């Protein structure tokens, strides 16, 4: 396992354990060198959403959605963020995509 893989796993573990600030630091460090990593984009996006920062979450979840077009979970969570931002039509589209993928 490479050091970067270890960093991602550490971030995910911290996130799962509710240590959001430490997880955020690890995700941000990891994503600097792995900008196209779908799970890192998704998890960091969801972390920002959990921290009440949907505007920071949105571009990460949009990227995760592009990188994982077949993921119903990513589409659903993208819909959550869009809905919270008042973007109802795009949120509905994301939800419909999630439903069609399930």
PDB file of N, CA and C in Angstrom:
ATOM      1  N   UNK A   1       0.847  -1.175   0.000  1.00  0.00           N
ATOM      2  CA  UNK A   1       0.000   0.000   0.000  1.00  0.00           C
ATOM      3  C   UNK A   1       0.894   1.241   0.000  1.00  0.00           C
ATOM      4  N   UNK A   2       0.578   2.160  -0.903  1.00  0.00           N
ATOM      5  CA  UNK A   2       1.388   3.366  -1.017  1.00  0.00           C
ATOM      6  C   UNK A   2       1.044   4.346   0.108  1.00  0.00           C
ATOM      7  N   UNK A   3       1.943   5.297   0.377  1.00  0.00           N
ATOM      8  CA  UNK A   3       1.646   6.302   1.403  1.00  0.00           C
ATOM      9  C   UNK A   3       0.369   7.100   1.097  1.00  0.00           C
ATOM     10  N   UNK A   4       0.115   7.351  -0.187  1.00  0.00           N
ATOM     11  CA  UNK A   4      -1.097   8.102  -0.518  1.00  0.00           C
ATOM     12  C   UNK A   4      -2.351   7.266  -0.248  1.00  0.00           C
ATOM     13  N   UNK A   5      -2.278   5.959  -0.517  1.00  0.00           N
ATOM     14  CA  UNK A   5      -3.407   5.092  -0.189  1.00  0.00           C
ATOM     15  C   UNK A   5      -3.666   5.105   1.318  1.00  0.00           C
ATOM     16  N   UNK A   6      -2.597   5.075   2.079  1.00  0.00           N
ATOM     17  CA  UNK A   6      -2.713   5.111   3.531  1.00  0.00           C
ATOM     18  C   UNK A   6      -3.355   6.416   3.985  1.00  0.00           C
ATOM     19  N   UNK A   7      -2.980   7.523   3.341  1.00  0.00           N
ATOM     20  CA  UNK A   7      -3.548   8.824   3.688  1.00  0.00           C
ATOM     21  C   UNK A   7      -5.050   8.851   3.408  1.00  0.00           C
ATOM     22  N   UNK A   8      -5.457   8.297   2.267  1.00  0.00           N
ATOM     23  CA  UNK A   8      -6.880   8.263   1.946  1.00  0.00           C
ATOM     24  C   UNK A   8      -7.644   7.408   2.949  1.00  0.00           C
ATOM     25  N   UNK A   9      -7.119   6.250   3.277  1.00  0.00           N
ATOM     26  CA  UNK A   9      -7.780   5.378   4.246  1.00  0.00           C
ATOM     27  C   UNK A   9      -7.850   6.034   5.625  1.00  0.00           C
ATOM     28  N   UNK A  10      -6.797   6.748   5.986  1.00  0.00           N
ATOM     29  CA  UNK A  10      -6.793   7.469   7.259  1.00  0.00           C
ATOM     30  C   UNK A  10      -7.884   8.539   7.256  1.00  0.00           C
ATOM     31  N   UNK A  11      -8.005   9.265   6.159  1.00  0.00           N
ATOM     32  CA  UNK A  11      -9.034  10.296   6.050  1.00  0.00           C
ATOM     33  C   UNK A  11     -10.419   9.684   6.185  1.00  0.00           C
ATOM     34  N   UNK A  12     -10.644   8.585   5.480  1.00  0.00           N
ATOM     35  CA  UNK A  12     -11.952   7.930   5.530  1.00  0.00           C
ATOM     36  C   UNK A  12     -12.269   7.438   6.939  1.00  0.00           C
ATOM     37  N   UNK A  13     -11.274   6.903   7.627  1.00  0.00           N
ATOM     38  CA  UNK A  13     -11.477   6.419   9.001  1.00  0.00           C
ATOM     39  C   UNK A  13     -11.792   7.576   9.948  1.00  0.00           C
ATOM     40  N   UNK A  14     -11.044   8.659   9.812  1.00  0.00           N
ATOM     41  CA  UNK A  14     -11.317   9.835  10.637  1.00  0.00           C
ATOM     42  C   UNK A  14     -12.724  10.367  10.378  1.00  0.00           C
ATOM     43  N   UNK A  15     -13.098  10.387   9.113  1.00  0.00           N
ATOM     44  CA  UNK A  15     -14.428  10.852   8.720  1.00  0.00           C
ATOM     45  C   UNK A  15     -15.492   9.968   9.348  1.00  0.00           C
ATOM     46  N   UNK A  16     -15.322   8.682   9.224  1.00  0.00           N
ATOM     47  CA  UNK A  16     -16.289   7.723   9.781  1.00  0.00           C
ATOM     48  C   UNK A  16     -16.408   7.872  11.292  1.00  0.00           C
ATOM     49  N   UNK A  17     -15.304   8.195  11.936  1.00  0.00           N
ATOM     50  CA  UNK A  17     -15.297   8.343  13.396  1.00  0.00           C
ATOM     51  C   UNK A  17     -15.780   9.719  13.862  1.00  0.00           C
ATOM     52  N   UNK A  18     -16.122  10.590  12.895  1.00  0.00           N
ATOM     53  CA  UNK A  18     -16.653  11.897  13.248  1.00  0.00           C
ATOM     54  C   UNK A  18     -15.616  12.967  13.491  1.00  0.00           C
ATOM     55  N   UNK A  19     -14.365  12.681  13.224  1.00  0.00           N
ATOM     56  CA  UNK A  19     -13.304  13.672  13.385  1.00  0.00           C
ATOM     57  C   UNK A  19     -13.172  14.431  12.063  1.00  0.00           C
ATOM     58  N   UNK A  20     -14.123  15.326  11.821  1.00  0.00           N
ATOM     59  CA  UNK A  20     -14.261  15.961  10.518  1.00  0.00           C
ATOM     60  C   UNK A  20     -13.104  16.895  10.169  1.00  0.00           C
ATOM     61  N   UNK A  21     -12.618  17.635  11.119  1.00  0.00           N
ATOM     62  CA  UNK A  21     -11.516  18.569  10.820  1.00  0.00           C
ATOM     63  C   UNK A  21     -10.247  17.823  10.422  1.00  0.00           C
ATOM     64  N   UNK A  22      -9.913  16.769  11.142  1.00  0.00           N
ATOM     65  CA  UNK A  22      -8.723  15.979  10.796  1.00  0.00           C
ATOM     66  C   UNK A  22      -8.934  15.269   9.463  1.00  0.00           C
ATOM     67  N   UNK A  23     -10.144  14.757   9.237  1.00  0.00           N
ATOM     68  CA  UNK A  23     -10.447  14.087   7.965  1.00  0.00           C
ATOM     69  C   UNK A  23     -10.313  15.073   6.813  1.00  0.00           C
ATOM     70  N   UNK A  24     -10.828  16.280   7.009  1.00  0.00           N
ATOM     71  CA  UNK A  24     -10.754  17.308   5.963  1.00  0.00           C
ATOM     72  C   UNK A  24      -9.310  17.575   5.566  1.00  0.00           C
ATOM     73  N   UNK A  25      -8.438  17.712   6.547  1.00  0.00           N
ATOM     74  CA  UNK A  25      -7.021  17.967   6.257  1.00  0.00           C
ATOM     75  C   UNK A  25      -6.419  16.831   5.431  1.00  0.00           C
ATOM     76  N   UNK A  26      -6.719  15.610   5.811  1.00  0.00           N
ATOM     77  CA  UNK A  26      -6.184  14.455   5.074  1.00  0.00           C
ATOM     78  C   UNK A  26      -6.745  14.390   3.656  1.00  0.00           C
ATOM     79  N   UNK A  27      -8.054  14.590   3.510  1.00  0.00           N
ATOM     80  CA  UNK A  27      -8.653  14.572   2.175  1.00  0.00           C
ATOM     81  C   UNK A  27      -8.041  15.659   1.292  1.00  0.00           C
ATOM     82  N   UNK A  28      -7.896  16.864   1.853  1.00  0.00           N
ATOM     83  CA  UNK A  28      -7.338  17.971   1.067  1.00  0.00           C
ATOM     84  C   UNK A  28      -5.912  17.670   0.632  1.00  0.00           C
ATOM     85  N   UNK A  29      -5.140  17.090   1.515  1.00  0.00           N
ATOM     86  CA  UNK A  29      -3.770  16.722   1.160  1.00  0.00           C
ATOM     87  C   UNK A  29      -3.768  15.641   0.083  1.00  0.00           C
ATOM     88  N   UNK A  30      -4.610  14.651   0.242  1.00  0.00           N
ATOM     89  CA  UNK A  30      -4.680  13.547  -0.718  1.00  0.00           C
ATOM     90  C   UNK A  30      -5.126  14.032  -2.094  1.00  0.00           C
ATOM     91  N   UNK A  31      -6.127  14.887  -2.120  1.00  0.00           N
ATOM     92  CA  UNK A  31      -6.725  15.296  -3.391  1.00  0.00           C
ATOM     93  C   UNK A  31      -5.798  16.213  -4.193  1.00  0.00           C
ATOM     94  N   UNK A  32      -4.826  16.821  -3.535  1.00  0.00           N
ATOM     95  CA  UNK A  32      -3.843  17.644  -4.266  1.00  0.00           C
ATOM     96  C   UNK A  32      -3.127  16.827  -5.330  1.00  0.00           C
ATOM     97  N   UNK A  33      -2.802  15.588  -5.005  1.00  0.00           N
ATOM     98  CA  UNK A  33      -2.089  14.719  -5.942  1.00  0.00           C
ATOM     99  C   UNK A  33      -2.996  13.737  -6.662  1.00  0.00           C
ATOM    100  N   UNK A  34      -4.257  13.671  -6.269  1.00  0.00           N
ATOM    101  CA  UNK A  34      -5.194  12.704  -6.850  1.00  0.00           C
ATOM    102  C   UNK A  34      -6.525  13.390  -7.156  1.00  0.00           C
ATOM    103  N   UNK A  35      -6.476  14.425  -7.963  1.00  0.00           N
ATOM    104  CA  UNK A  35      -7.652  15.244  -8.251  1.00  0.00           C
ATOM    105  C   UNK A  35      -8.769  14.463  -8.943  1.00  0.00           C
ATOM    106  N   UNK A  36      -8.423  13.367  -9.592  1.00  0.00           N
ATOM    107  CA  UNK A  36      -9.418  12.594 -10.327  1.00  0.00           C
ATOM    108  C   UNK A  36      -9.884  11.355  -9.555  1.00  0.00           C
ATOM    109  N   UNK A  37      -9.582  11.289  -8.292  1.00  0.00           N
ATOM    110  CA  UNK A  37      -9.985  10.154  -7.464  1.00  0.00           C
ATOM    111  C   UNK A  37     -11.461  10.317  -7.114  1.00  0.00           C
ATOM    112  N   UNK A  38     -12.326   9.445  -7.631  1.00  0.00           N
ATOM    113  CA  UNK A  38     -13.767   9.655  -7.438  1.00  0.00           C
ATOM    114  C   UNK A  38     -14.213   9.617  -5.981  1.00  0.00           C
ATOM    115  N   UNK A  39     -13.702   8.681  -5.226  1.00  0.00           N
ATOM    116  CA  UNK A  39     -14.127   8.569  -3.831  1.00  0.00           C
ATOM    117  C   UNK A  39     -13.636   9.740  -2.990  1.00  0.00           C
ATOM    118  N   UNK A  40     -12.437  10.223  -3.267  1.00  0.00           N
ATOM    119  CA  UNK A  40     -11.929  11.366  -2.512  1.00  0.00           C
ATOM    120  C   UNK A  40     -12.782  12.600  -2.781  1.00  0.00           C
ATOM    121  N   UNK A  41     -13.168  12.811  -4.027  1.00  0.00           N
ATOM    122  CA  UNK A  41     -14.048  13.930  -4.351  1.00  0.00           C
ATOM    123  C   UNK A  41     -15.394  13.779  -3.656  1.00  0.00           C
ATOM    124  N   UNK A  42     -15.935  12.580  -3.699  1.00  0.00           N
ATOM    125  CA  UNK A  42     -17.230  12.320  -3.067  1.00  0.00           C
ATOM    126  C   UNK A  42     -17.162  12.516  -1.548  1.00  0.00           C
ATOM    127  N   UNK A  43     -16.203  11.875  -0.907  1.00  0.00           N
ATOM    128  CA  UNK A  43     -16.120  11.955   0.552  1.00  0.00           C
ATOM    129  C   UNK A  43     -15.829  13.377   1.032  1.00  0.00           C
ATOM    130  N   UNK A  44     -14.933  14.078   0.340  1.00  0.00           N
ATOM    131  CA  UNK A  44     -14.645  15.454   0.738  1.00  0.00           C
ATOM    132  C   UNK A  44     -15.871  16.332   0.505  1.00  0.00           C
ATOM    133  N   UNK A  45     -16.582  16.101  -0.591  1.00  0.00           N
ATOM    134  CA  UNK A  45     -17.813  16.845  -0.830  1.00  0.00           C
ATOM    135  C   UNK A  45     -18.830  16.612   0.272  1.00  0.00           C
ATOM    136  N   UNK A  46     -19.003  15.363   0.663  1.00  0.00           N
ATOM    137  CA  UNK A  46     -19.959  15.058   1.728  1.00  0.00           C
ATOM    138  C   UNK A  46     -19.496  15.631   3.067  1.00  0.00           C
ATOM    139  N   UNK A  47     -18.201  15.658   3.292  1.00  0.00           N
ATOM    140  CA  UNK A  47     -17.685  16.257   4.519  1.00  0.00           C
ATOM    141  C   UNK A  47     -18.024  17.745   4.569  1.00  0.00           C
ATOM    142  N   UNK A  48     -17.812  18.449   3.450  1.00  0.00           N
ATOM    143  CA  UNK A  48     -18.168  19.877   3.411  1.00  0.00           C
ATOM    144  C   UNK A  48     -19.667  20.052   3.659  1.00  0.00           C
ATOM    145  N   UNK A  49     -20.476  19.167   3.092  1.00  0.00           N
ATOM    146  CA  UNK A  49     -21.922  19.227   3.300  1.00  0.00           C
ATOM    147  C   UNK A  49     -22.241  19.038   4.782  1.00  0.00           C
ATOM    148  N   UNK A  50     -21.585  18.080   5.420  1.00  0.00           N
ATOM    149  CA  UNK A  50     -21.789  17.837   6.850  1.00  0.00           C
ATOM    150  C   UNK A  50     -21.381  19.044   7.688  1.00  0.00           C
ATOM    151  N   UNK A  51     -20.393  19.778   7.205  1.00  0.00           N
ATOM    152  CA  UNK A  51     -19.928  20.968   7.921  1.00  0.00           C
ATOM    153  C   UNK A  51     -20.794  22.196   7.619  1.00  0.00           C
ATOM    154  N   UNK A  52     -21.855  22.003   6.841  1.00  0.00           N
ATOM    155  CA  UNK A  52     -22.752  23.113   6.533  1.00  0.00           C
ATOM    156  C   UNK A  52     -22.243  24.030   5.449  1.00  0.00           C
ATOM    157  N   UNK A  53     -21.403  23.527   4.576  1.00  0.00           N
ATOM    158  CA  UNK A  53     -20.815  24.323   3.500  1.00  0.00           C
ATOM    159  C   UNK A  53     -21.183  23.720   2.138  1.00  0.00           C
ATOM    160  N   UNK A  54     -22.457  23.810   1.750  1.00  0.00           N
ATOM    161  CA  UNK A  54     -22.873  23.176   0.499  1.00  0.00           C
ATOM    162  C   UNK A  54     -22.215  23.764  -0.744  1.00  0.00           C
ATOM    163  N   UNK A  55     -21.845  25.045  -0.705  1.00  0.00           N
ATOM    164  CA  UNK A  55     -21.179  25.635  -1.875  1.00  0.00           C
ATOM    165  C   UNK A  55     -19.795  25.016  -2.097  1.00  0.00           C
ATOM    166  N   UNK A  56     -19.132  24.605  -1.037  1.00  0.00           N
ATOM    167  CA  UNK A  56     -17.846  23.912  -1.174  1.00  0.00           C
ATOM    168  C   UNK A  56     -18.060  22.460  -1.575  1.00  0.00           C
ATOM    169  N   UNK A  57     -19.181  21.901  -1.154  1.00  0.00           N
ATOM    170  CA  UNK A  57     -19.488  20.505  -1.471  1.00  0.00           C
ATOM    171  C   UNK A  57     -19.856  20.323  -2.940  1.00  0.00           C
ATOM    172  N   UNK A  58     -20.572  21.288  -3.495  1.00  0.00           N
ATOM    173  CA  UNK A  58     -21.135  21.132  -4.837  1.00  0.00           C
ATOM    174  C   UNK A  58     -20.118  20.782  -5.920  1.00  0.00           C
ATOM    175  N   UNK A  59     -19.034  21.527  -6.093  1.00  0.00           N
ATOM    176  CA  UNK A  59     -18.122  21.166  -7.185  1.00  0.00           C
ATOM    177  C   UNK A  59     -17.473  19.792  -7.012  1.00  0.00           C
ATOM    178  N   UNK A  60     -17.245  19.400  -5.780  1.00  0.00           N
ATOM    179  CA  UNK A  60     -16.656  18.089  -5.523  1.00  0.00           C
ATOM    180  C   UNK A  60     -17.640  16.970  -5.865  1.00  0.00           C
ATOM    181  N   UNK A  61     -18.894  17.164  -5.504  1.00  0.00           N
ATOM    182  CA  UNK A  61     -19.900  16.147  -5.810  1.00  0.00           C
ATOM    183  C   UNK A  61     -20.215  16.114  -7.302  1.00  0.00           C
ATOM    184  N   UNK A  62     -20.174  17.268  -7.950  1.00  0.00           N
ATOM    185  CA  UNK A  62     -20.351  17.276  -9.408  1.00  0.00           C
ATOM    186  C   UNK A  62     -19.215  16.507 -10.086  1.00  0.00           C
ATOM    187  N   UNK A  63     -18.008  16.713  -9.603  1.00  0.00           N
ATOM    188  CA  UNK A  63     -16.862  15.992 -10.170  1.00  0.00           C
ATOM    189  C   UNK A  63     -16.977  14.500  -9.888  1.00  0.00           C
ATOM    190  N   UNK A  64     -17.351  14.150  -8.667  1.00  0.00           N
ATOM    191  CA  UNK A  64     -17.527  12.734  -8.328  1.00  0.00           C
ATOM    192  C   UNK A  64     -18.592  12.108  -9.221  1.00  0.00           C
ATOM    193  N   UNK A  65     -19.632  12.864  -9.512  1.00  0.00           N
ATOM    194  CA  UNK A  65     -20.699  12.372 -10.376  1.00  0.00           C
ATOM    195  C   UNK A  65     -20.192  12.128 -11.798  1.00  0.00           C
ATOM    196  N   UNK A  66     -19.332  13.005 -12.273  1.00  0.00           N
ATOM    197  CA  UNK A  66     -18.737  12.819 -13.603  1.00  0.00           C
ATOM    198  C   UNK A  66     -17.792  11.621 -13.620  1.00  0.00           C
ATOM    199  N   UNK A  67     -17.061  11.435 -12.542  1.00  0.00           N
ATOM    200  CA  UNK A  67     -16.094  10.345 -12.464  1.00  0.00           C
ATOM    201  C   UNK A  67     -16.764   8.999 -12.203  1.00  0.00           C
ATOM    202  N   UNK A  68     -17.958   9.027 -11.599  1.00  0.00           N
ATOM    203  CA  UNK A  68     -18.714   7.804 -11.286  1.00  0.00           C
ATOM    204  C   UNK A  68     -20.136   7.948 -11.817  1.00  0.00           C
ATOM    205  N   UNK A  69     -20.317   7.994 -13.121  1.00  0.00           N
ATOM    206  CA  UNK A  69     -21.654   8.260 -13.664  1.00  0.00           C
ATOM    207  C   UNK A  69     -22.680   7.180 -13.327  1.00  0.00           C
ATOM    208  N   UNK A  70     -22.242   6.021 -12.913  1.00  0.00           N
ATOM    209  CA  UNK A  70     -23.167   4.944 -12.594  1.00  0.00           C
ATOM    210  C   UNK A  70     -23.495   4.811 -11.125  1.00  0.00           C
ATOM    211  N   UNK A  71     -23.090   5.774 -10.311  1.00  0.00           N
ATOM    212  CA  UNK A  71     -23.315   5.682  -8.865  1.00  0.00           C
ATOM    213  C   UNK A  71     -24.610   6.383  -8.458  1.00  0.00           C
ATOM    214  N   UNK A  72     -25.585   5.594  -8.046  1.00  0.00           N
ATOM    215  CA  UNK A  72     -26.850   6.154  -7.561  1.00  0.00           C
ATOM    216  C   UNK A  72     -26.620   6.974  -6.292  1.00  0.00           C
ATOM    217  N   UNK A  73     -25.732   6.525  -5.432  1.00  0.00           N
ATOM    218  CA  UNK A  73     -25.471   7.232  -4.166  1.00  0.00           C
ATOM    219  C   UNK A  73     -24.918   8.628  -4.432  1.00  0.00           C
ATOM    220  N   UNK A  74     -23.969   8.730  -5.351  1.00  0.00           N
ATOM    221  CA  UNK A  74     -23.382  10.034  -5.662  1.00  0.00           C
ATOM    222  C   UNK A  74     -24.454  10.959  -6.242  1.00  0.00           C
ATOM    223  N   UNK A  75     -25.272  10.445  -7.166  1.00  0.00           N
ATOM    224  CA  UNK A  75     -26.336  11.262  -7.776  1.00  0.00           C
ATOM    225  C   UNK A  75     -27.332  11.720  -6.709  1.00  0.00           C
ATOM    226  N   UNK A  76     -27.704  10.831  -5.807  1.00  0.00           N
ATOM    227  CA  UNK A  76     -28.652  11.189  -4.749  1.00  0.00           C
ATOM    228  C   UNK A  76     -28.077  12.285  -3.851  1.00  0.00           C
ATOM    229  N   UNK A  77     -26.837  12.126  -3.444  1.00  0.00           N
ATOM    230  CA  UNK A  77     -26.234  13.114  -2.556  1.00  0.00           C
ATOM    231  C   UNK A  77     -25.994  14.434  -3.272  1.00  0.00           C
ATOM    232  N   UNK A  78     -25.697  14.385  -4.557  1.00  0.00           N
ATOM    233  CA  UNK A  78     -25.613  15.612  -5.343  1.00  0.00           C
ATOM    234  C   UNK A  78     -26.968  16.314  -5.323  1.00  0.00           C
ATOM    235  N   UNK A  79     -28.042  15.541  -5.455  1.00  0.00           N
ATOM    236  CA  UNK A  79     -29.381  16.107  -5.375  1.00  0.00           C
ATOM    237  C   UNK A  79     -29.645  16.776  -4.032  1.00  0.00           C
ATOM    238  N   UNK A  80     -29.182  16.176  -2.951  1.00  0.00           N
ATOM    239  CA  UNK A  80     -29.351  16.770  -1.618  1.00  0.00           C
ATOM    240  C   UNK A  80     -28.703  18.146  -1.538  1.00  0.00           C
ATOM    241  N   UNK A  81     -27.481  18.231  -2.050  1.00  0.00           N
ATOM    242  CA  UNK A  81     -26.745  19.498  -1.998  1.00  0.00           C
ATOM    243  C   UNK A  81     -27.426  20.537  -2.880  1.00  0.00           C
ATOM    244  N   UNK A  82     -27.794  20.133  -4.088  1.00  0.00           N
ATOM    245  CA  UNK A  82     -28.464  21.066  -4.994  1.00  0.00           C
ATOM    246  C   UNK A  82     -29.777  21.569  -4.386  1.00  0.00           C
ATOM    247  N   UNK A  83     -30.530  20.677  -3.771  1.00  0.00           N
ATOM    248  CA  UNK A  83     -31.794  21.072  -3.144  1.00  0.00           C
ATOM    249  C   UNK A  83     -31.549  22.063  -2.009  1.00  0.00           C
ATOM    250  N   UNK A  84     -30.526  21.808  -1.213  1.00  0.00           N
ATOM    251  CA  UNK A  84     -30.237  22.718  -0.114  1.00  0.00           C
ATOM    252  C   UNK A  84     -29.846  24.102  -0.632  1.00  0.00           C
ATOM    253  N   UNK A  85     -29.228  24.129  -1.805  1.00  0.00           N
ATOM    254  CA  UNK A  85     -28.834  25.407  -2.403  1.00  0.00           C
ATOM    255  C   UNK A  85     -29.978  26.062  -3.176  1.00  0.00           C
ATOM    256  N   UNK A  86     -31.150  25.431  -3.171  1.00  0.00           N
ATOM    257  CA  UNK A  86     -32.300  25.998  -3.848  1.00  0.00           C
ATOM    258  C   UNK A  86     -32.330  25.769  -5.340  1.00  0.00           C
ATOM    259  N   UNK A  87     -31.472  24.896  -5.822  1.00  0.00           N
ATOM    260  CA  UNK A  87     -31.415  24.576  -7.253  1.00  0.00           C
ATOM    261  C   UNK A  87     -32.318  23.367  -7.502  1.00  0.00           C
ATOM    262  N   UNK A  88     -33.616  23.634  -7.526  1.00  0.00           N
ATOM    263  CA  UNK A  88     -34.614  22.567  -7.513  1.00  0.00           C
ATOM    264  C   UNK A  88     -34.600  21.732  -8.788  1.00  0.00           C
ATOM    265  N   UNK A  89     -34.575  22.355  -9.949  1.00  0.00           N
ATOM    266  CA  UNK A  89     -34.598  21.582 -11.203  1.00  0.00           C
ATOM    267  C   UNK A  89     -33.373  20.672 -11.329  1.00  0.00           C
ATOM    268  N   UNK A  90     -32.155  21.173 -11.085  1.00  0.00           N
ATOM    269  CA  UNK A  90     -31.002  20.262 -11.137  1.00  0.00           C
ATOM    270  C   UNK A  90     -31.049  19.181 -10.058  1.00  0.00           C
ATOM    271  N   UNK A  91     -31.595  19.526  -8.890  1.00  0.00           N
ATOM    272  CA  UNK A  91     -31.727  18.530  -7.825  1.00  0.00           C
ATOM    273  C   UNK A  91     -32.671  17.418  -8.271  1.00  0.00           C
ATOM    274  N   UNK A  92     -33.794  17.810  -8.871  1.00  0.00           N
ATOM    275  CA  UNK A  92     -34.752  16.819  -9.355  1.00  0.00           C
ATOM    276  C   UNK A  92     -34.105  15.919 -10.413  1.00  0.00           C
ATOM    277  N   UNK A  93     -33.324  16.511 -11.289  1.00  0.00           N
ATOM    278  CA  UNK A  93     -32.638  15.720 -12.317  1.00  0.00           C
ATOM    279  C   UNK A  93     -31.680  14.718 -11.671  1.00  0.00           C
ATOM    280  N   UNK A  94     -30.919  15.159 -10.681  1.00  0.00           N
ATOM    281  CA  UNK A  94     -29.987  14.264  -9.991  1.00  0.00           C
ATOM    282  C   UNK A  94     -30.738  13.131  -9.299  1.00  0.00           C
ATOM    283  N   UNK A  95     -31.857  13.458  -8.655  1.00  0.00           N
ATOM    284  CA  UNK A  95     -32.664  12.419  -7.994  1.00  0.00           C
ATOM    285  C   UNK A  95     -33.212  11.418  -9.002  1.00  0.00           C
ATOM    286  N   UNK A  96     -33.680  11.921 -10.141  1.00  0.00           N
ATOM    287  CA  UNK A  96     -34.215  11.031 -11.171  1.00  0.00           C
ATOM    288  C   UNK A  96     -33.113  10.087 -11.701  1.00  0.00           C
ATOM    289  N   UNK A  97     -31.908  10.632 -11.863  1.00  0.00           N
ATOM    290  CA  UNK A  97     -30.781   9.798 -12.302  1.00  0.00           C
ATOM    291  C   UNK A  97     -30.474   8.729 -11.252  1.00  0.00           C
ATOM    292  N   UNK A  98     -30.518   9.124  -9.997  1.00  0.00           N
ATOM    293  CA  UNK A  98     -30.253   8.161  -8.909  1.00  0.00           C
ATOM    294  C   UNK A  98     -31.277   7.044  -8.939  1.00  0.00           C
ATOM    295  N   UNK A  99     -32.537   7.405  -9.095  1.00  0.00           N
ATOM    296  CA  UNK A  99     -33.598   6.392  -9.127  1.00  0.00           C
ATOM    297  C   UNK A  99     -33.413   5.462 -10.312  1.00  0.00           C
ATOM    298  N   UNK A 100     -33.071   6.009 -11.469  1.00  0.00           N
ATOM    299  CA  UNK A 100     -32.911   5.168 -12.664  1.00  0.00           C
ATOM    300  C   UNK A 100     -31.707   4.233 -12.541  1.00  0.00           C
ATOM    301  N   UNK A 101     -30.747   4.599 -11.724  1.00  0.00           N
ATOM    302  CA  UNK A 101     -29.557   3.757 -11.555  1.00  0.00           C
ATOM    303  C   UNK A 101     -29.780   2.636 -10.542  1.00  0.00           C
ATOM    304  N   UNK A 102     -30.839   2.761  -9.736  1.00  0.00           N
ATOM    305  CA  UNK A 102     -31.059   1.739  -8.708  1.00  0.00           C
ATOM    306  C   UNK A 102     -31.817   0.576  -9.201  1.00  0.00           C
TER     307      UNK A 102
END
